[in-house]
N, C-alpha and C. Protein backbone atom coordinates (compact mmCIF):
# COMPACT_ATOMS: atom_id res chain seq x y z
N MET A 1 -29.08 -32.06 12.61
CA MET A 1 -29.13 -32.59 13.96
C MET A 1 -30.57 -33.00 14.28
N LYS A 2 -30.73 -34.18 14.86
CA LYS A 2 -32.03 -34.68 15.25
C LYS A 2 -32.63 -33.76 16.32
N LYS A 3 -33.92 -33.46 16.20
CA LYS A 3 -34.58 -32.62 17.18
C LYS A 3 -34.73 -33.41 18.48
N SER A 4 -34.03 -32.95 19.51
CA SER A 4 -34.06 -33.61 20.81
C SER A 4 -34.56 -32.63 21.85
N SER A 5 -35.13 -33.17 22.91
CA SER A 5 -35.54 -32.37 24.05
C SER A 5 -34.77 -32.86 25.27
N ILE A 6 -34.56 -31.97 26.21
CA ILE A 6 -33.72 -32.25 27.37
C ILE A 6 -34.50 -31.96 28.64
N VAL A 7 -34.39 -32.86 29.61
CA VAL A 7 -34.90 -32.60 30.96
C VAL A 7 -33.73 -32.69 31.92
N PHE A 8 -33.55 -31.64 32.69
CA PHE A 8 -32.54 -31.61 33.75
C PHE A 8 -33.23 -31.93 35.07
N LEU A 9 -32.66 -32.87 35.82
CA LEU A 9 -33.13 -33.16 37.17
C LEU A 9 -32.14 -32.52 38.13
N LEU A 10 -32.58 -31.49 38.83
CA LEU A 10 -31.71 -30.70 39.69
C LEU A 10 -32.04 -30.99 41.14
N SER A 11 -31.06 -31.49 41.89
CA SER A 11 -31.33 -31.86 43.28
C SER A 11 -30.49 -31.09 44.30
N ASN A 12 -29.47 -30.37 43.85
CA ASN A 12 -28.56 -29.70 44.77
C ASN A 12 -28.61 -28.19 44.55
N GLU A 13 -28.82 -27.45 45.59
CA GLU A 13 -28.93 -25.98 45.48
C GLU A 13 -27.69 -25.36 44.85
N ASP A 14 -26.52 -25.95 45.10
CA ASP A 14 -25.27 -25.40 44.57
C ASP A 14 -25.12 -25.60 43.06
N SER A 15 -25.99 -26.38 42.45
CA SER A 15 -25.88 -26.68 41.03
C SER A 15 -26.60 -25.69 40.12
N TRP A 16 -27.31 -24.72 40.68
CA TRP A 16 -28.04 -23.75 39.86
C TRP A 16 -27.15 -23.02 38.87
N PRO A 17 -26.00 -22.46 39.28
CA PRO A 17 -25.17 -21.73 38.29
C PRO A 17 -24.75 -22.61 37.11
N LYS A 18 -24.37 -23.84 37.40
CA LYS A 18 -23.96 -24.77 36.34
C LYS A 18 -25.13 -25.08 35.41
N LEU A 19 -26.30 -25.33 35.99
CA LEU A 19 -27.49 -25.61 35.18
C LEU A 19 -27.83 -24.43 34.28
N LEU A 20 -27.85 -23.23 34.84
CA LEU A 20 -28.22 -22.05 34.06
C LEU A 20 -27.21 -21.77 32.96
N ALA A 21 -25.94 -22.07 33.21
CA ALA A 21 -24.92 -21.93 32.16
C ALA A 21 -25.18 -22.93 31.03
N HIS A 22 -25.53 -24.18 31.39
CA HIS A 22 -25.85 -25.18 30.37
C HIS A 22 -27.03 -24.72 29.51
N ILE A 23 -28.08 -24.22 30.17
CA ILE A 23 -29.25 -23.78 29.42
C ILE A 23 -28.90 -22.62 28.50
N THR A 24 -28.07 -21.69 28.97
CA THR A 24 -27.64 -20.56 28.14
C THR A 24 -26.93 -21.05 26.89
N HIS A 25 -26.01 -22.00 27.07
CA HIS A 25 -25.26 -22.53 25.92
C HIS A 25 -26.18 -23.27 24.95
N ILE A 26 -27.10 -24.04 25.49
CA ILE A 26 -28.03 -24.79 24.64
C ILE A 26 -28.92 -23.83 23.85
N LYS A 27 -29.48 -22.84 24.55
CA LYS A 27 -30.38 -21.89 23.89
C LYS A 27 -29.66 -21.06 22.82
N ASN A 28 -28.35 -20.85 23.01
CA ASN A 28 -27.57 -20.07 22.04
C ASN A 28 -27.04 -20.92 20.87
N ASN A 29 -27.24 -22.22 20.92
CA ASN A 29 -26.76 -23.11 19.87
C ASN A 29 -27.83 -23.21 18.77
N PRO A 30 -27.53 -22.72 17.58
CA PRO A 30 -28.52 -22.74 16.50
C PRO A 30 -28.90 -24.16 16.05
N GLU A 31 -28.10 -25.15 16.40
CA GLU A 31 -28.42 -26.53 16.02
C GLU A 31 -29.48 -27.15 16.93
N PHE A 32 -29.74 -26.53 18.09
CA PHE A 32 -30.73 -27.09 19.03
C PHE A 32 -32.09 -26.48 18.78
N SER A 33 -33.07 -27.32 18.54
CA SER A 33 -34.42 -26.83 18.31
C SER A 33 -35.45 -27.54 19.18
N GLY A 34 -34.97 -28.30 20.14
CA GLY A 34 -35.88 -29.06 21.00
C GLY A 34 -36.39 -28.24 22.17
N LYS A 35 -37.02 -28.94 23.09
CA LYS A 35 -37.57 -28.33 24.30
C LYS A 35 -36.62 -28.59 25.47
N ILE A 36 -36.73 -27.73 26.48
CA ILE A 36 -35.94 -27.88 27.70
C ILE A 36 -36.89 -27.83 28.89
N ALA A 37 -36.70 -28.76 29.82
CA ALA A 37 -37.46 -28.76 31.07
C ALA A 37 -36.48 -28.94 32.22
N VAL A 38 -36.84 -28.39 33.36
CA VAL A 38 -36.04 -28.53 34.57
C VAL A 38 -36.98 -29.02 35.67
N VAL A 39 -36.62 -30.13 36.32
CA VAL A 39 -37.38 -30.65 37.44
C VAL A 39 -36.52 -30.49 38.69
N VAL A 40 -37.07 -29.81 39.68
CA VAL A 40 -36.31 -29.46 40.88
C VAL A 40 -36.78 -30.32 42.05
N ILE A 41 -35.82 -30.98 42.69
CA ILE A 41 -36.07 -31.78 43.89
C ILE A 41 -34.99 -31.43 44.92
N GLY A 42 -35.13 -31.94 46.11
CA GLY A 42 -34.09 -31.78 47.13
C GLY A 42 -33.82 -30.32 47.48
N SER A 43 -32.59 -30.05 47.94
CA SER A 43 -32.24 -28.71 48.43
C SER A 43 -32.24 -27.66 47.32
N ALA A 44 -32.26 -28.07 46.07
CA ALA A 44 -32.31 -27.10 44.97
C ALA A 44 -33.58 -26.26 45.03
N ILE A 45 -34.60 -26.76 45.70
CA ILE A 45 -35.86 -26.03 45.81
C ILE A 45 -35.71 -24.73 46.58
N LEU A 46 -34.71 -24.63 47.43
CA LEU A 46 -34.54 -23.45 48.27
C LEU A 46 -34.25 -22.19 47.46
N SER A 47 -33.70 -22.34 46.27
CA SER A 47 -33.44 -21.19 45.39
C SER A 47 -34.69 -20.75 44.64
N CYS A 48 -35.77 -21.48 44.78
CA CYS A 48 -37.00 -21.19 44.05
C CYS A 48 -38.01 -20.41 44.87
N LEU A 49 -37.59 -19.99 46.04
CA LEU A 49 -38.50 -19.28 46.93
C LEU A 49 -38.47 -17.79 46.68
N ASN A 50 -39.59 -17.14 46.88
CA ASN A 50 -39.65 -15.69 46.76
C ASN A 50 -38.65 -15.01 47.69
N SER A 51 -38.37 -15.63 48.82
CA SER A 51 -37.50 -15.03 49.83
C SER A 51 -36.02 -15.31 49.59
N SER A 52 -35.69 -16.05 48.56
CA SER A 52 -34.29 -16.39 48.27
C SER A 52 -33.49 -15.12 48.00
N SER A 53 -32.25 -15.12 48.46
CA SER A 53 -31.37 -13.96 48.22
C SER A 53 -30.62 -14.08 46.90
N LEU A 54 -30.88 -15.12 46.14
CA LEU A 54 -30.17 -15.35 44.88
C LEU A 54 -30.89 -14.63 43.74
N ILE A 55 -30.81 -13.32 43.75
CA ILE A 55 -31.54 -12.49 42.80
C ILE A 55 -31.15 -12.80 41.36
N ASP A 56 -29.86 -12.96 41.08
CA ASP A 56 -29.42 -13.26 39.71
C ASP A 56 -29.98 -14.59 39.23
N THR A 57 -29.97 -15.59 40.11
CA THR A 57 -30.54 -16.89 39.75
C THR A 57 -32.02 -16.75 39.44
N GLN A 58 -32.74 -16.01 40.28
CA GLN A 58 -34.17 -15.82 40.05
C GLN A 58 -34.44 -15.10 38.73
N LYS A 59 -33.64 -14.09 38.42
CA LYS A 59 -33.82 -13.37 37.16
C LYS A 59 -33.59 -14.27 35.96
N GLN A 60 -32.58 -15.14 36.05
CA GLN A 60 -32.32 -16.07 34.95
C GLN A 60 -33.45 -17.09 34.80
N ILE A 61 -33.95 -17.58 35.92
CA ILE A 61 -35.08 -18.52 35.88
C ILE A 61 -36.28 -17.86 35.19
N GLU A 62 -36.59 -16.64 35.59
CA GLU A 62 -37.71 -15.92 34.99
C GLU A 62 -37.48 -15.68 33.50
N HIS A 63 -36.25 -15.30 33.14
CA HIS A 63 -35.92 -15.08 31.72
C HIS A 63 -36.12 -16.36 30.91
N PHE A 64 -35.59 -17.47 31.40
CA PHE A 64 -35.71 -18.73 30.65
C PHE A 64 -37.15 -19.20 30.58
N SER A 65 -37.91 -18.98 31.65
CA SER A 65 -39.31 -19.42 31.61
C SER A 65 -40.09 -18.66 30.54
N LEU A 66 -39.70 -17.42 30.27
CA LEU A 66 -40.33 -16.65 29.20
C LEU A 66 -39.84 -17.07 27.82
N ASN A 67 -38.75 -17.86 27.80
CA ASN A 67 -38.15 -18.30 26.54
C ASN A 67 -38.21 -19.82 26.40
N HIS A 68 -39.36 -20.36 26.77
CA HIS A 68 -39.71 -21.75 26.48
C HIS A 68 -38.89 -22.79 27.23
N VAL A 69 -38.53 -22.51 28.47
CA VAL A 69 -37.96 -23.52 29.36
C VAL A 69 -39.01 -23.75 30.44
N ASP A 70 -39.40 -25.00 30.62
CA ASP A 70 -40.42 -25.35 31.61
C ASP A 70 -39.75 -25.76 32.91
N PHE A 71 -40.20 -25.18 34.02
CA PHE A 71 -39.66 -25.47 35.34
C PHE A 71 -40.73 -26.13 36.20
N TYR A 72 -40.34 -27.24 36.84
CA TYR A 72 -41.25 -28.00 37.70
C TYR A 72 -40.64 -28.16 39.09
N LEU A 73 -41.50 -28.06 40.11
CA LEU A 73 -41.08 -28.32 41.48
C LEU A 73 -41.78 -29.57 41.99
N CYS A 74 -41.02 -30.39 42.68
CA CYS A 74 -41.55 -31.64 43.25
C CYS A 74 -42.43 -31.33 44.46
N ILE A 75 -43.68 -31.79 44.42
CA ILE A 75 -44.61 -31.60 45.53
C ILE A 75 -44.11 -32.28 46.79
N ASN A 76 -43.44 -33.42 46.65
CA ASN A 76 -42.94 -34.14 47.82
C ASN A 76 -41.85 -33.35 48.53
N THR A 77 -40.97 -32.73 47.75
CA THR A 77 -39.92 -31.89 48.33
C THR A 77 -40.53 -30.67 48.99
N MET A 78 -41.52 -30.07 48.35
CA MET A 78 -42.19 -28.92 48.94
C MET A 78 -42.79 -29.30 50.30
N ASN A 79 -43.45 -30.44 50.35
CA ASN A 79 -44.05 -30.90 51.61
C ASN A 79 -42.99 -31.17 52.67
N ARG A 80 -41.88 -31.78 52.26
CA ARG A 80 -40.81 -32.09 53.20
C ARG A 80 -40.22 -30.83 53.82
N TYR A 81 -40.09 -29.77 53.02
CA TYR A 81 -39.54 -28.50 53.52
C TYR A 81 -40.62 -27.56 54.07
N GLY A 82 -41.88 -27.95 54.00
CA GLY A 82 -42.97 -27.11 54.49
C GLY A 82 -43.19 -25.88 53.63
N ILE A 83 -42.98 -26.00 52.32
CA ILE A 83 -43.10 -24.88 51.38
C ILE A 83 -44.48 -24.89 50.76
N THR A 84 -45.10 -23.71 50.74
CA THR A 84 -46.42 -23.58 50.12
C THR A 84 -46.28 -22.93 48.74
N ILE A 85 -47.32 -23.03 47.95
CA ILE A 85 -47.29 -22.47 46.60
C ILE A 85 -47.09 -20.95 46.62
N ASN A 86 -47.53 -20.28 47.67
CA ASN A 86 -47.38 -18.83 47.78
C ASN A 86 -45.93 -18.41 48.01
N GLN A 87 -45.06 -19.35 48.37
CA GLN A 87 -43.67 -19.04 48.66
C GLN A 87 -42.74 -19.21 47.46
N ILE A 88 -43.25 -19.76 46.36
CA ILE A 88 -42.37 -20.07 45.24
C ILE A 88 -42.48 -19.01 44.14
N LEU A 89 -41.45 -18.95 43.30
CA LEU A 89 -41.45 -18.04 42.16
C LEU A 89 -42.54 -18.47 41.17
N THR A 90 -43.10 -17.53 40.49
CA THR A 90 -44.23 -17.82 39.59
C THR A 90 -43.90 -18.71 38.39
N PRO A 91 -42.67 -18.73 37.86
CA PRO A 91 -42.49 -19.56 36.66
C PRO A 91 -42.60 -21.06 36.88
N PHE A 92 -42.74 -21.50 38.12
CA PHE A 92 -42.71 -22.93 38.41
C PHE A 92 -44.09 -23.55 38.36
N THR A 93 -44.13 -24.74 37.79
CA THR A 93 -45.31 -25.59 37.82
C THR A 93 -45.06 -26.65 38.88
N ILE A 94 -46.07 -26.97 39.65
CA ILE A 94 -45.93 -28.00 40.67
C ILE A 94 -46.10 -29.37 40.02
N ALA A 95 -45.11 -30.23 40.22
CA ALA A 95 -45.20 -31.63 39.76
C ALA A 95 -45.99 -32.39 40.82
N THR A 96 -47.32 -32.43 40.65
CA THR A 96 -48.20 -32.95 41.69
C THR A 96 -48.06 -34.45 41.91
N SER A 97 -47.50 -35.16 40.95
CA SER A 97 -47.27 -36.59 41.15
C SER A 97 -45.85 -36.87 41.65
N GLY A 98 -45.07 -35.81 41.84
CA GLY A 98 -43.70 -35.94 42.33
C GLY A 98 -42.69 -35.65 41.23
N GLY A 99 -41.50 -35.22 41.62
CA GLY A 99 -40.47 -34.85 40.67
C GLY A 99 -39.96 -36.00 39.83
N VAL A 100 -39.73 -37.14 40.47
CA VAL A 100 -39.21 -38.30 39.73
C VAL A 100 -40.24 -38.81 38.73
N ILE A 101 -41.50 -38.79 39.12
CA ILE A 101 -42.56 -39.21 38.19
C ILE A 101 -42.65 -38.23 37.03
N GLU A 102 -42.49 -36.92 37.30
CA GLU A 102 -42.51 -35.92 36.22
C GLU A 102 -41.38 -36.18 35.23
N VAL A 103 -40.20 -36.49 35.75
CA VAL A 103 -39.07 -36.83 34.87
C VAL A 103 -39.40 -38.04 34.03
N THR A 104 -39.98 -39.05 34.64
CA THR A 104 -40.36 -40.26 33.90
C THR A 104 -41.34 -39.95 32.78
N LYS A 105 -42.32 -39.09 33.06
CA LYS A 105 -43.28 -38.70 32.03
C LYS A 105 -42.58 -38.00 30.87
N LEU A 106 -41.65 -37.10 31.19
CA LEU A 106 -40.94 -36.37 30.14
C LEU A 106 -40.04 -37.31 29.32
N VAL A 107 -39.37 -38.23 29.99
CA VAL A 107 -38.53 -39.20 29.29
C VAL A 107 -39.41 -40.05 28.35
N ASP A 108 -40.58 -40.42 28.83
CA ASP A 108 -41.51 -41.18 27.98
C ASP A 108 -41.96 -40.38 26.75
N GLN A 109 -41.90 -39.05 26.84
CA GLN A 109 -42.24 -38.18 25.71
C GLN A 109 -41.04 -37.93 24.81
N GLY A 110 -39.88 -38.54 25.13
CA GLY A 110 -38.71 -38.41 24.27
C GLY A 110 -37.63 -37.48 24.78
N TYR A 111 -37.80 -36.90 25.96
CA TYR A 111 -36.77 -36.04 26.54
C TYR A 111 -35.57 -36.90 26.96
N GLN A 112 -34.37 -36.33 26.84
CA GLN A 112 -33.15 -36.97 27.31
C GLN A 112 -32.87 -36.44 28.71
N LEU A 113 -32.58 -37.32 29.65
CA LEU A 113 -32.38 -36.94 31.05
C LEU A 113 -30.91 -36.61 31.34
N PHE A 114 -30.70 -35.47 32.00
CA PHE A 114 -29.39 -35.09 32.53
C PHE A 114 -29.59 -34.76 34.00
N GLN A 115 -28.91 -35.49 34.85
CA GLN A 115 -29.05 -35.29 36.30
C GLN A 115 -27.94 -34.40 36.82
N MET A 116 -28.30 -33.44 37.65
CA MET A 116 -27.30 -32.52 38.19
C MET A 116 -27.41 -32.47 39.70
């Protein structure tokens, strides 16, 4: 199998369980040896806050970040919701040029885009 990398663009808060299930299946597939990135925009950002009640989601995000999954938050979405860096979970990197631009950079590096 060709070594491929995947970037998920997540925009809906309700899509976290589906995304995390996809990542679990991909990480458990011995044929996959590429990289995985997740770029979060829109209401999906609400699950990335320290104050979120979605403890299981947060634990999975932290687990995957320790296992070579890169998570990015869109600075524009953070500004729109009035979210500061102190309010977000630590595994996230801020996409300072914006989430869509971050996706474009990753696609230019050979990542395949999956929008959720």
